[in-house]
PDB file of N, CA and C in Angstrom:
ATOM      1  N   MET A   1     136.076 110.120  85.891  1.00  0.00           N
ATOM      2  CA  MET A   1     135.685 110.198  87.293  1.00  0.00           C
ATOM      3  C   MET A   1     134.299 109.587  87.466  1.00  0.00           C
ATOM      4  N   ARG A   2     134.173 108.673  88.422  1.00  0.00           N
ATOM      5  CA  ARG A   2     132.878 108.035  88.614  1.00  0.00           C
ATOM      6  C   ARG A   2     132.022 108.849  89.585  1.00  0.00           C
ATOM      7  N   VAL A   3     130.716 108.681  89.432  1.00  0.00           N
ATOM      8  CA  VAL A   3     129.766 109.381  90.298  1.00  0.00           C
ATOM      9  C   VAL A   3     129.320 108.415  91.381  1.00  0.00           C
ATOM     10  N   LYS A   4     129.426 108.863  92.620  1.00  0.00           N
ATOM     11  CA  LYS A   4     129.000 108.029  93.745  1.00  0.00           C
ATOM     12  C   LYS A   4     127.577 108.426  94.138  1.00  0.00           C
ATOM     13  N   SER A   5     126.820 107.452  94.580  1.00  0.00           N
ATOM     14  CA  SER A   5     125.403 107.711  94.842  1.00  0.00           C
ATOM     15  C   SER A   5     125.081 107.762  96.332  1.00  0.00           C
ATOM     16  N   GLY A   6     126.055 108.152  97.141  1.00  0.00           N
ATOM     17  CA  GLY A   6     125.865 108.141  98.589  1.00  0.00           C
ATOM     18  C   GLY A   6     124.712 109.003  99.060  1.00  0.00           C
ATOM     19  N   VAL A   7     124.620 110.216  98.530  1.00  0.00           N
ATOM     20  CA  VAL A   7     123.583 111.152  98.979  1.00  0.00           C
ATOM     21  C   VAL A   7     122.194 110.628  98.608  1.00  0.00           C
ATOM     22  N   ALA A   8     122.042 110.167  97.373  1.00  0.00           N
ATOM     23  CA  ALA A   8     120.744 109.664  96.919  1.00  0.00           C
ATOM     24  C   ALA A   8     120.344 108.411  97.693  1.00  0.00           C
ATOM     25  N   THR A   9     121.327 107.526  97.928  1.00  0.00           N
ATOM     26  CA  THR A   9     121.035 106.308  98.672  1.00  0.00           C
ATOM     27  C   THR A   9     120.593 106.643 100.089  1.00  0.00           C
ATOM     28  N   ARG A  10     121.313 107.563 100.727  1.00  0.00           N
ATOM     29  CA  ARG A  10     120.984 107.944 102.095  1.00  0.00           C
ATOM     30  C   ARG A  10     119.592 108.578 102.163  1.00  0.00           C
ATOM     31  N   ARG A  11     119.290 109.394 101.171  1.00  0.00           N
ATOM     32  CA  ARG A  11     117.970 110.046 101.142  1.00  0.00           C
ATOM     33  C   ARG A  11     116.858 109.002 101.019  1.00  0.00           C
ATOM     34  N   GLY A  12     117.064 108.017 100.151  1.00  0.00           N
ATOM     35  CA  GLY A  12     116.068 106.955  99.974  1.00  0.00           C
ATOM     36  C   GLY A  12     115.902 106.113 101.228  1.00  0.00           C
ATOM     37  N   LYS A  13     117.045 105.806 101.854  1.00  0.00           N
ATOM     38  CA  LYS A  13     116.984 104.994 103.072  1.00  0.00           C
ATOM     39  C   LYS A  13     116.294 105.762 104.198  1.00  0.00           C
ATOM     40  N   LYS A  14     116.587 107.049 104.303  1.00  0.00           N
ATOM     41  CA  LYS A  14     115.974 107.859 105.367  1.00  0.00           C
ATOM     42  C   LYS A  14     114.454 107.868 105.234  1.00  0.00           C
ATOM     43  N   LYS A  15     113.993 107.921 103.994  1.00  0.00           N
ATOM     44  CA  LYS A  15     112.551 107.928 103.750  1.00  0.00           C
ATOM     45  C   LYS A  15     111.909 106.639 104.261  1.00  0.00           C
ATOM     46  N   ILE A  16     112.569 105.518 103.996  1.00  0.00           N
ATOM     47  CA  ILE A  16     112.034 104.230 104.428  1.00  0.00           C
ATOM     48  C   ILE A  16     112.178 104.062 105.938  1.00  0.00           C
ATOM     49  N   PHE A  17     113.301 104.529 106.516  1.00  0.00           N
ATOM     50  CA  PHE A  17     113.475 104.472 107.965  1.00  0.00           C
ATOM     51  C   PHE A  17     112.405 105.296 108.681  1.00  0.00           C
ATOM     52  N   ARG A  18     112.036 106.430 108.095  1.00  0.00           N
ATOM     53  CA  ARG A  18     110.974 107.255 108.689  1.00  0.00           C
ATOM     54  C   ARG A  18     109.658 106.488 108.749  1.00  0.00           C
ATOM     55  N   ARG A  19     109.389 105.716 107.717  1.00  0.00           N
ATOM     56  CA  ARG A  19     108.156 104.923 107.708  1.00  0.00           C
ATOM     57  C   ARG A  19     108.181 103.835 108.766  1.00  0.00           C
ATOM     58  N   ALA A  20     109.372 103.353 109.124  1.00  0.00           N
ATOM     59  CA  ALA A  20     109.499 102.260 110.092  1.00  0.00           C
ATOM     60  C   ALA A  20     109.569 102.776 111.523  1.00  0.00           C
ATOM     61  N   LYS A  21     109.479 104.083 111.706  1.00  0.00           N
ATOM     62  CA  LYS A  21     109.566 104.651 113.054  1.00  0.00           C
ATOM     63  C   LYS A  21     108.422 104.105 113.907  1.00  0.00           C
ATOM     64  N   GLY A  22     108.777 103.603 115.073  1.00  0.00           N
ATOM     65  CA  GLY A  22     107.764 103.051 115.958  1.00  0.00           C
ATOM     66  C   GLY A  22     107.606 101.546 115.839  1.00  0.00           C
ATOM     67  N   PHE A  23     108.258 100.939 114.851  1.00  0.00           N
ATOM     68  CA  PHE A  23     108.200  99.495 114.738  1.00  0.00           C
ATOM     69  C   PHE A  23     109.034  98.883 115.867  1.00  0.00           C
ATOM     70  N   TYR A  24     108.733  97.641 116.208  1.00  0.00           N
ATOM     71  CA  TYR A  24     109.355  96.973 117.343  1.00  0.00           C
ATOM     72  C   TYR A  24     110.783  96.552 117.036  1.00  0.00           C
ATOM     73  N   SER A  25     111.691  96.794 117.973  1.00  0.00           N
ATOM     74  CA  SER A  25     113.048  96.268 117.999  1.00  0.00           C
ATOM     75  C   SER A  25     113.830  96.591 116.717  1.00  0.00           C
ATOM     76  N   ASP A  26     114.485  95.579 116.151  1.00  0.00           N
ATOM     77  CA  ASP A  26     115.344  95.807 114.981  1.00  0.00           C
ATOM     78  C   ASP A  26     114.559  96.179 113.733  1.00  0.00           C
ATOM     79  N   LYS A  27     113.237  95.999 113.764  1.00  0.00           N
ATOM     80  CA  LYS A  27     112.427  96.319 112.595  1.00  0.00           C
ATOM     81  C   LYS A  27     112.386  97.820 112.339  1.00  0.00           C
ATOM     82  N   SER A  28     112.898  98.609 113.293  1.00  0.00           N
ATOM     83  CA  SER A  28     112.972 100.047 113.064  1.00  0.00           C
ATOM     84  C   SER A  28     114.405 100.552 113.008  1.00  0.00           C
ATOM     85  N   ARG A  29     115.377  99.639 113.168  1.00  0.00           N
ATOM     86  CA  ARG A  29     116.771 100.087 113.265  1.00  0.00           C
ATOM     87  C   ARG A  29     117.708  99.498 112.216  1.00  0.00           C
ATOM     88  N   LYS A  30     117.483  98.279 111.789  1.00  0.00           N
ATOM     89  CA  LYS A  30     118.427  97.618 110.884  1.00  0.00           C
ATOM     90  C   LYS A  30     117.845  97.568 109.476  1.00  0.00           C
ATOM     91  N   TRP A  31     118.670  97.974 108.528  1.00  0.00           N
ATOM     92  CA  TRP A  31     118.204  98.200 107.161  1.00  0.00           C
ATOM     93  C   TRP A  31     117.467  97.011 106.569  1.00  0.00           C
ATOM     94  N   ARG A  32     118.010  95.793 106.737  1.00  0.00           N
ATOM     95  CA  ARG A  32     117.382  94.614 106.135  1.00  0.00           C
ATOM     96  C   ARG A  32     115.961  94.427 106.699  1.00  0.00           C
ATOM     97  N   TYR A  33     115.835  94.551 108.012  1.00  0.00           N
ATOM     98  CA  TYR A  33     114.541  94.328 108.651  1.00  0.00           C
ATOM     99  C   TYR A  33     113.582  95.483 108.397  1.00  0.00           C
ATOM    100  N   VAL A  34     114.145  96.673 108.318  1.00  0.00           N
ATOM    101  CA  VAL A  34     113.317  97.847 108.010  1.00  0.00           C
ATOM    102  C   VAL A  34     112.689  97.695 106.633  1.00  0.00           C
ATOM    103  N   LYS A  35     113.505  97.296 105.658  1.00  0.00           N
ATOM    104  CA  LYS A  35     112.996  97.104 104.292  1.00  0.00           C
ATOM    105  C   LYS A  35     111.850  96.113 104.265  1.00  0.00           C
ATOM    106  N   GLN A  36     112.065  94.971 104.929  1.00  0.00           N
ATOM    107  CA  GLN A  36     111.055  93.913 104.924  1.00  0.00           C
ATOM    108  C   GLN A  36     109.776  94.351 105.629  1.00  0.00           C
ATOM    109  N   SER A  37     109.929  94.966 106.806  1.00  0.00           N
ATOM    110  CA  SER A  37     108.751  95.310 107.597  1.00  0.00           C
ATOM    111  C   SER A  37     107.954  96.438 106.962  1.00  0.00           C
ATOM    112  N   VAL A  38     108.628  97.399 106.328  1.00  0.00           N
ATOM    113  CA  VAL A  38     107.908  98.481 105.651  1.00  0.00           C
ATOM    114  C   VAL A  38     107.176  97.941 104.433  1.00  0.00           C
ATOM    115  N   ALA A  39     107.816  97.054 103.695  1.00  0.00           N
ATOM    116  CA  ALA A  39     107.155  96.458 102.530  1.00  0.00           C
ATOM    117  C   ALA A  39     105.913  95.692 102.951  1.00  0.00           C
ATOM    118  N   ARG A  40     106.032  94.928 104.037  1.00  0.00           N
ATOM    119  CA  ARG A  40     104.899  94.158 104.536  1.00  0.00           C
ATOM    120  C   ARG A  40     103.797  95.093 105.037  1.00  0.00           C
ATOM    121  N   ALA A  41     104.187  96.154 105.726  1.00  0.00           N
ATOM    122  CA  ALA A  41     103.199  97.103 106.254  1.00  0.00           C
ATOM    123  C   ALA A  41     102.420  97.776 105.126  1.00  0.00           C
ATOM    124  N   LEU A  42     103.112  98.131 104.053  1.00  0.00           N
ATOM    125  CA  LEU A  42     102.439  98.755 102.906  1.00  0.00           C
ATOM    126  C   LEU A  42     101.469  97.778 102.255  1.00  0.00           C
ATOM    127  N   GLN A  43     101.897  96.524 102.173  1.00  0.00           N
ATOM    128  CA  GLN A  43     101.043  95.490 101.592  1.00  0.00           C
ATOM    129  C   GLN A  43      99.782  95.299 102.437  1.00  0.00           C
ATOM    130  N   LYS A  44      99.968  95.218 103.761  1.00  0.00           N
ATOM    131  CA  LYS A  44      98.828  95.030 104.667  1.00  0.00           C
ATOM    132  C   LYS A  44      97.882  96.227 104.620  1.00  0.00           C
ATOM    133  N   SER A  45      98.437  97.435 104.525  1.00  0.00           N
ATOM    134  CA  SER A  45      97.575  98.617 104.514  1.00  0.00           C
ATOM    135  C   SER A  45      96.713  98.646 103.259  1.00  0.00           C
ATOM    136  N   THR A  46      97.265  98.201 102.133  1.00  0.00           N
ATOM    137  CA  THR A  46      96.489  98.140 100.902  1.00  0.00           C
ATOM    138  C   THR A  46      95.359  97.124 101.038  1.00  0.00           C
ATOM    139  N   ILE A  47      95.687  95.963 101.582  1.00  0.00           N
ATOM    140  CA  ILE A  47      94.683  94.910 101.758  1.00  0.00           C
ATOM    141  C   ILE A  47      93.582  95.388 102.697  1.00  0.00           C
ATOM    142  N   ASP A  48      93.987  96.039 103.798  1.00  0.00           N
ATOM    143  CA  ASP A  48      93.014  96.438 104.807  1.00  0.00           C
ATOM    144  C   ASP A  48      92.132  97.601 104.364  1.00  0.00           C
ATOM    145  N   ARG A  49      92.620  98.428 103.446  1.00  0.00           N
ATOM    146  CA  ARG A  49      91.739  99.466 102.887  1.00  0.00           C
ATOM    147  C   ARG A  49      90.583  98.824 102.138  1.00  0.00           C
ATOM    148  N   LYS A  50      90.879  97.753 101.419  1.00  0.00           N
ATOM    149  CA  LYS A  50      89.817  97.021 100.722  1.00  0.00           C
ATOM    150  C   LYS A  50      88.907  96.328 101.724  1.00  0.00           C
ATOM    151  N   LYS A  51      89.510  95.753 102.773  1.00  0.00           N
ATOM    152  CA  LYS A  51      88.762  94.983 103.765  1.00  0.00           C
ATOM    153  C   LYS A  51      87.806  95.884 104.555  1.00  0.00           C
ATOM    154  N   ARG A  52      88.227  97.121 104.806  1.00  0.00           N
ATOM    155  CA  ARG A  52      87.390  98.042 105.574  1.00  0.00           C
ATOM    156  C   ARG A  52      86.034  98.243 104.906  1.00  0.00           C
ATOM    157  N   LYS A  53      86.031  98.298 103.585  1.00  0.00           N
ATOM    158  CA  LYS A  53      84.782  98.473 102.851  1.00  0.00           C
ATOM    159  C   LYS A  53      83.855  97.279 103.060  1.00  0.00           C
ATOM    160  N   ARG A  54      84.435  96.071 103.027  1.00  0.00           N
ATOM    161  CA  ARG A  54      83.635  94.863 103.269  1.00  0.00           C
ATOM    162  C   ARG A  54      83.091  94.846 104.688  1.00  0.00           C
ATOM    163  N   ASP A  55      83.947  95.241 105.644  1.00  0.00           N
ATOM    164  CA  ASP A  55      83.539  95.214 107.050  1.00  0.00           C
ATOM    165  C   ASP A  55      82.370  96.163 107.309  1.00  0.00           C
ATOM    166  N   PHE A  56      82.428  97.349 106.720  1.00  0.00           N
ATOM    167  CA  PHE A  56      81.343  98.302 106.930  1.00  0.00           C
ATOM    168  C   PHE A  56      80.046  97.814 106.298  1.00  0.00           C
ATOM    169  N   ARG A  57      80.141  97.238 105.107  1.00  0.00           N
ATOM    170  CA  ARG A  57      78.930  96.709 104.479  1.00  0.00           C
ATOM    171  C   ARG A  57      78.306  95.621 105.353  1.00  0.00           C
ATOM    172  N   THR A  58      79.145  94.742 105.924  1.00  0.00           N
ATOM    173  CA  THR A  58      78.666  93.697 106.819  1.00  0.00           C
ATOM    174  C   THR A  58      77.972  94.304 108.033  1.00  0.00           C
ATOM    175  N   LEU A  59      78.560  95.339 108.597  1.00  0.00           N
ATOM    176  CA  LEU A  59      77.979  96.005 109.760  1.00  0.00           C
ATOM    177  C   LEU A  59      76.612  96.598 109.433  1.00  0.00           C
ATOM    178  N   TRP A  60      76.505  97.250 108.273  1.00  0.00           N
ATOM    179  CA  TRP A  60      75.220  97.853 107.877  1.00  0.00           C
ATOM    180  C   TRP A  60      74.159  96.772 107.720  1.00  0.00           C
ATOM    181  N   ILE A  61      74.532  95.641 107.127  1.00  0.00           N
ATOM    182  CA  ILE A  61      73.577  94.554 106.913  1.00  0.00           C
ATOM    183  C   ILE A  61      73.128  93.977 108.250  1.00  0.00           C
ATOM    184  N   ILE A  62      74.053  93.826 109.201  1.00  0.00           N
ATOM    185  CA  ILE A  62      73.700  93.306 110.525  1.00  0.00           C
ATOM    186  C   ILE A  62      72.710  94.254 111.211  1.00  0.00           C
ATOM    187  N   ARG A  63      72.991  95.552 111.151  1.00  0.00           N
ATOM    188  CA  ARG A  63      72.096  96.542 111.772  1.00  0.00           C
ATOM    189  C   ARG A  63      70.723  96.532 111.111  1.00  0.00           C
ATOM    190  N   LEU A  64      70.721  96.456 109.782  1.00  0.00           N
ATOM    191  CA  LEU A  64      69.451  96.429 109.055  1.00  0.00           C
ATOM    192  C   LEU A  64      68.645  95.185 109.401  1.00  0.00           C
ATOM    193  N   ASN A  65      69.310  94.050 109.464  1.00  0.00           N
ATOM    194  CA  ASN A  65      68.624  92.798 109.772  1.00  0.00           C
ATOM    195  C   ASN A  65      67.955  92.881 111.139  1.00  0.00           C
ATOM    196  N   ALA A  66      68.656  93.449 112.118  1.00  0.00           N
ATOM    197  CA  ALA A  66      68.093  93.578 113.460  1.00  0.00           C
ATOM    198  C   ALA A  66      66.875  94.493 113.453  1.00  0.00           C
ATOM    199  N   ALA A  67      66.963  95.608 112.719  1.00  0.00           N
ATOM    200  CA  ALA A  67      65.854  96.560 112.676  1.00  0.00           C
ATOM    201  C   ALA A  67      64.665  96.000 111.902  1.00  0.00           C
ATOM    202  N   VAL A  68      64.941  95.281 110.832  1.00  0.00           N
ATOM    203  CA  VAL A  68      63.878  94.750 109.979  1.00  0.00           C
ATOM    204  C   VAL A  68      63.126  93.622 110.677  1.00  0.00           C
ATOM    205  N   ARG A  69      63.833  92.827 111.480  1.00  0.00           N
ATOM    206  CA  ARG A  69      63.175  91.734 112.205  1.00  0.00           C
ATOM    207  C   ARG A  69      62.136  92.277 113.181  1.00  0.00           C
ATOM    208  N   LYS A  70      62.382  93.461 113.748  1.00  0.00           N
ATOM    209  CA  LYS A  70      61.385  94.093 114.624  1.00  0.00           C
ATOM    210  C   LYS A  70      60.126  94.452 113.848  1.00  0.00           C
ATOM    211  N   ALA A  71      60.309  94.748 112.564  1.00  0.00           N
ATOM    212  CA  ALA A  71      59.174  95.099 111.702  1.00  0.00           C
ATOM    213  C   ALA A  71      58.505  93.849 111.126  1.00  0.00           C
ATOM    214  N   GLY A  72      59.027  92.677 111.420  1.00  0.00           N
ATOM    215  CA  GLY A  72      58.389  91.426 110.998  1.00  0.00           C
ATOM    216  C   GLY A  72      58.798  90.929 109.630  1.00  0.00           C
ATOM    217  N   LEU A  73      60.003  91.267 109.196  1.00  0.00           N
ATOM    218  CA  LEU A  73      60.522  90.809 107.902  1.00  0.00           C
ATOM    219  C   LEU A  73      61.918  90.232 108.102  1.00  0.00           C
ATOM    220  N   SER A  74      62.379  89.494 107.111  1.00  0.00           N
ATOM    221  CA  SER A  74      63.790  89.117 107.108  1.00  0.00           C
ATOM    222  C   SER A  74      64.529  90.134 106.241  1.00  0.00           C
ATOM    223  N   TYR A  75      65.841  90.159 106.371  1.00  0.00           N
ATOM    224  CA  TYR A  75      66.643  91.132 105.627  1.00  0.00           C
ATOM    225  C   TYR A  75      66.465  90.956 104.119  1.00  0.00           C
ATOM    226  N   SER A  76      66.538  89.716 103.651  1.00  0.00           N
ATOM    227  CA  SER A  76      66.487  89.487 102.203  1.00  0.00           C
ATOM    228  C   SER A  76      65.111  89.862 101.638  1.00  0.00           C
ATOM    229  N   ARG A  77      64.044  89.548 102.384  1.00  0.00           N
ATOM    230  CA  ARG A  77      62.688  89.922 101.927  1.00  0.00           C
ATOM    231  C   ARG A  77      62.532  91.439 101.926  1.00  0.00           C
ATOM    232  N   PHE A  78      63.113  92.072 102.924  1.00  0.00           N
ATOM    233  CA  PHE A  78      63.063  93.535 103.011  1.00  0.00           C
ATOM    234  C   PHE A  78      63.741  94.176 101.801  1.00  0.00           C
ATOM    235  N   MET A  79      64.942  93.710 101.474  1.00  0.00           N
ATOM    236  CA  MET A  79      65.678  94.279 100.337  1.00  0.00           C
ATOM    237  C   MET A  79      64.930  94.015  99.026  1.00  0.00           C
ATOM    238  N   HIS A  80      64.334  92.836  98.909  1.00  0.00           N
ATOM    239  CA  HIS A  80      63.552  92.528  97.711  1.00  0.00           C
ATOM    240  C   HIS A  80      62.327  93.443  97.637  1.00  0.00           C
ATOM    241  N   GLY A  81      61.680  93.660  98.772  1.00  0.00           N
ATOM    242  CA  GLY A  81      60.526  94.553  98.816  1.00  0.00           C
ATOM    243  C   GLY A  81      60.883  95.983  98.446  1.00  0.00           C
ATOM    244  N   LEU A  82      62.052  96.438  98.899  1.00  0.00           N
ATOM    245  CA  LEU A  82      62.508  97.794  98.531  1.00  0.00           C
ATOM    246  C   LEU A  82      62.692  97.904  97.026  1.00  0.00           C
ATOM    247  N   LYS A  83      63.262  96.868  96.441  1.00  0.00           N
ATOM    248  CA  LYS A  83      63.499  96.886  94.996  1.00  0.00           C
ATOM    249  C   LYS A  83      62.169  96.922  94.246  1.00  0.00           C
ATOM    250  N   LEU A  84      61.214  96.121  94.705  1.00  0.00           N
ATOM    251  CA  LEU A  84      59.895  96.107  94.061  1.00  0.00           C
ATOM    252  C   LEU A  84      59.170  97.437  94.237  1.00  0.00           C
ATOM    253  N   ALA A  85      59.370  98.073  95.402  1.00  0.00           N
ATOM    254  CA  ALA A  85      58.708  99.351  95.678  1.00  0.00           C
ATOM    255  C   ALA A  85      59.387 100.515  94.967  1.00  0.00           C
ATOM    256  N   GLY A  86      60.550 100.277  94.411  1.00  0.00           N
ATOM    257  CA  GLY A  86      61.272 101.331  93.702  1.00  0.00           C
ATOM    258  C   GLY A  86      61.984 102.296  94.636  1.00  0.00           C
ATOM    259  N   ILE A  87      62.308 101.826  95.839  1.00  0.00           N
ATOM    260  CA  ILE A  87      63.026 102.662  96.807  1.00  0.00           C
ATOM    261  C   ILE A  87      64.513 102.353  96.657  1.00  0.00           C
ATOM    262  N   GLY A  88      65.270 103.338  96.229  1.00  0.00           N
ATOM    263  CA  GLY A  88      66.692 103.118  95.938  1.00  0.00           C
ATOM    264  C   GLY A  88      67.615 103.710  96.980  1.00  0.00           C
ATOM    265  N   ILE A  89      67.399 103.376  98.251  1.00  0.00           N
ATOM    266  CA  ILE A  89      68.274 103.865  99.319  1.00  0.00           C
ATOM    267  C   ILE A  89      69.319 102.792  99.598  1.00  0.00           C
ATOM    268  N   ASP A  90      70.583 103.215  99.721  1.00  0.00           N
ATOM    269  CA  ASP A  90      71.635 102.224  99.947  1.00  0.00           C
ATOM    270  C   ASP A  90      71.661 101.761 101.405  1.00  0.00           C
ATOM    271  N   ARG A  91      72.402 100.683 101.632  1.00  0.00           N
ATOM    272  CA  ARG A  91      72.419 100.039 102.945  1.00  0.00           C
ATOM    273  C   ARG A  91      72.970 100.951 104.031  1.00  0.00           C
ATOM    274  N   LYS A  92      73.960 101.756 103.682  1.00  0.00           N
ATOM    275  CA  LYS A  92      74.560 102.659 104.666  1.00  0.00           C
ATOM    276  C   LYS A  92      73.516 103.632 105.194  1.00  0.00           C
ATOM    277  N   LEU A  93      72.809 104.275 104.296  1.00  0.00           N
ATOM    278  CA  LEU A  93      71.796 105.250 104.691  1.00  0.00           C
ATOM    279  C   LEU A  93      70.643 104.571 105.423  1.00  0.00           C
ATOM    280  N   LEU A  94      70.238 103.403 104.964  1.00  0.00           N
ATOM    281  CA  LEU A  94      69.167 102.668 105.640  1.00  0.00           C
ATOM    282  C   LEU A  94      69.542 102.327 107.083  1.00  0.00           C
ATOM    283  N   SER A  95      70.790 101.903 107.296  1.00  0.00           N
ATOM    284  CA  SER A  95      71.202 101.547 108.656  1.00  0.00           C
ATOM    285  C   SER A  95      71.264 102.783 109.551  1.00  0.00           C
ATOM    286  N   GLU A  96      71.659 103.924 108.984  1.00  0.00           N
ATOM    287  CA  GLU A  96      71.666 105.164 109.767  1.00  0.00           C
ATOM    288  C   GLU A  96      70.247 105.594 110.113  1.00  0.00           C
ATOM    289  N   ILE A  97      69.326 105.446 109.177  1.00  0.00           N
ATOM    290  CA  ILE A  97      67.914 105.771 109.440  1.00  0.00           C
ATOM    291  C   ILE A  97      67.369 104.845 110.524  1.00  0.00           C
ATOM    292  N   ALA A  98      67.696 103.563 110.437  1.00  0.00           N
ATOM    293  CA  ALA A  98      67.219 102.587 111.423  1.00  0.00           C
ATOM    294  C   ALA A  98      67.707 102.942 112.822  1.00  0.00           C
ATOM    295  N   ALA A  99      68.943 103.431 112.926  1.00  0.00           N
ATOM    296  CA  ALA A  99      69.506 103.765 114.238  1.00  0.00           C
ATOM    297  C   ALA A  99      68.951 105.088 114.767  1.00  0.00           C
ATOM    298  N   ALA A 100      68.744 106.067 113.874  1.00  0.00           N
ATOM    299  CA  ALA A 100      68.395 107.415 114.316  1.00  0.00           C
ATOM    300  C   ALA A 100      66.889 107.677 114.371  1.00  0.00           C
ATOM    301  N   ASP A 101      66.154 107.212 113.355  1.00  0.00           N
ATOM    302  CA  ASP A 101      64.737 107.574 113.241  1.00  0.00           C
ATOM    303  C   ASP A 101      63.907 106.317 112.982  1.00  0.00           C
ATOM    304  N   SER A 102      63.445 105.692 114.064  1.00  0.00           N
ATOM    305  CA  SER A 102      62.747 104.415 113.916  1.00  0.00           C
ATOM    306  C   SER A 102      61.384 104.579 113.235  1.00  0.00           C
ATOM    307  N   ALA A 103      60.725 105.726 113.419  1.00  0.00           N
ATOM    308  CA  ALA A 103      59.421 105.940 112.784  1.00  0.00           C
ATOM    309  C   ALA A 103      59.557 105.963 111.261  1.00  0.00           C
ATOM    310  N   LEU A 104      60.564 106.672 110.770  1.00  0.00           N
ATOM    311  CA  LEU A 104      60.808 106.734 109.325  1.00  0.00           C
ATOM    312  C   LEU A 104      61.178 105.351 108.793  1.00  0.00           C
ATOM    313  N   PHE A 105      62.016 104.633 109.540  1.00  0.00           N
ATOM    314  CA  PHE A 105      62.421 103.298 109.094  1.00  0.00           C
ATOM    315  C   PHE A 105      61.224 102.357 109.033  1.00  0.00           C
ATOM    316  N   ASN A 106      60.333 102.455 110.022  1.00  0.00           N
ATOM    317  CA  ASN A 106      59.141 101.600 110.021  1.00  0.00           C
ATOM    318  C   ASN A 106      58.254 101.885 108.817  1.00  0.00           C
ATOM    319  N   SER A 107      58.164 103.155 108.421  1.00  0.00           N
ATOM    320  CA  SER A 107      57.368 103.483 107.232  1.00  0.00           C
ATOM    321  C   SER A 107      58.008 102.900 105.967  1.00  0.00           C
ATOM    322  N   ILE A 108      59.332 102.922 105.913  1.00  0.00           N
ATOM    323  CA  ILE A 108      60.042 102.320 104.775  1.00  0.00           C
ATOM    324  C   ILE A 108      59.802 100.802 104.764  1.00  0.00           C
ATOM    325  N   ALA A 109      59.860 100.191 105.950  1.00  0.00           N
ATOM    326  CA  ALA A 109      59.629  98.745 106.047  1.00  0.00           C
ATOM    327  C   ALA A 109      58.201  98.390 105.630  1.00  0.00           C
ATOM    328  N   GLU A 110      57.242  99.228 105.990  1.00  0.00           N
ATOM    329  CA  GLU A 110      55.846  98.989 105.587  1.00  0.00           C
ATOM    330  C   GLU A 110      55.692  99.090 104.070  1.00  0.00           C
ATOM    331  N   ALA A 111      56.381 100.049 103.470  1.00  0.00           N
ATOM    332  CA  ALA A 111      56.340 100.184 102.009  1.00  0.00           C
ATOM    333  C   ALA A 111      56.911  98.929 101.343  1.00  0.00           C
ATOM    334  N   ALA A 112      57.977  98.390 101.916  1.00  0.00           N
ATOM    335  CA  ALA A 112      58.584  97.174 101.383  1.00  0.00           C
ATOM    336  C   ALA A 112      57.619  95.992 101.527  1.00  0.00           C
ATOM    337  N   LYS A 113      56.929  95.914 102.663  1.00  0.00           N
ATOM    338  CA  LYS A 113      55.956  94.843 102.898  1.00  0.00           C
ATOM    339  C   LYS A 113      54.830  94.900 101.879  1.00  0.00           C
ATOM    340  N   LYS A 114      54.308  96.099 101.644  1.00  0.00           N
ATOM    341  CA  LYS A 114      53.203  96.274 100.685  1.00  0.00           C
ATOM    342  C   LYS A 114      53.618  95.866  99.293  1.00  0.00           C
ATOM    343  N   ALA A 115      54.849  96.199  98.927  1.00  0.00           N
ATOM    344  CA  ALA A 115      55.358  95.841  97.586  1.00  0.00           C
ATOM    345  C   ALA A 115      55.480  94.328  97.445  1.00  0.00           C
ATOM    346  N   LEU A 116      55.795  93.636  98.538  1.00  0.00           N
ATOM    347  CA  LEU A 116      55.911  92.180  98.488  1.00  0.00           C
ATOM    348  C   LEU A 116      54.544  91.509  98.304  1.00  0.00           C
ATOM    349  N   VAL A 117      53.500  92.115  98.857  1.00  0.00           N
ATOM    350  CA  VAL A 117      52.161  91.526  98.808  1.00  0.00           C
ATOM    351  C   VAL A 117      51.574  91.596  97.405  1.00  0.00           C
ATOM    352  N   LYS A 118      51.870  92.678  96.704  1.00  0.00           N
ATOM    353  CA  LYS A 118      51.283  92.895  95.369  1.00  0.00           C
ATOM    354  C   LYS A 118      51.604  91.782  94.404  1.00  0.00           C
TER     355      LYS A 118
END
C-alpha cells in the first residue's frame, strides 16, 4: 500500500498561501504565482534588512555633517578630530546628541577642533 502525501502537501501549501495573503490579483490565489511571489518577497526582505542598516548610517552622517558645518568643520575633519581626541562615540549617538542637545554637541565639536590643532 502506498502512502499519499495529500495532507502534508496541503499543509505546506497553506503556509505559503498565508504568506501571500494581500498580494495583488493571481499572486495571492494561484499556486504557481504564489510560489514565485513569496520567494521573491522573501528575497527582497532579506536584501532590505541589510539595506536598512546602510540607509540609517547615511542618515546619521547627513545629520552630523549639517550640525558640524554650523560648528565650522567638515564631517571628515570632525570624525578625524574625534579619533585624535580619543572620543569613541558612534555616529548614531552623535546624531541624536546633535538633534537633541546642541550645547553638548558644540562642546564635542570644540574638543575635536582642539585635537586637530595639536
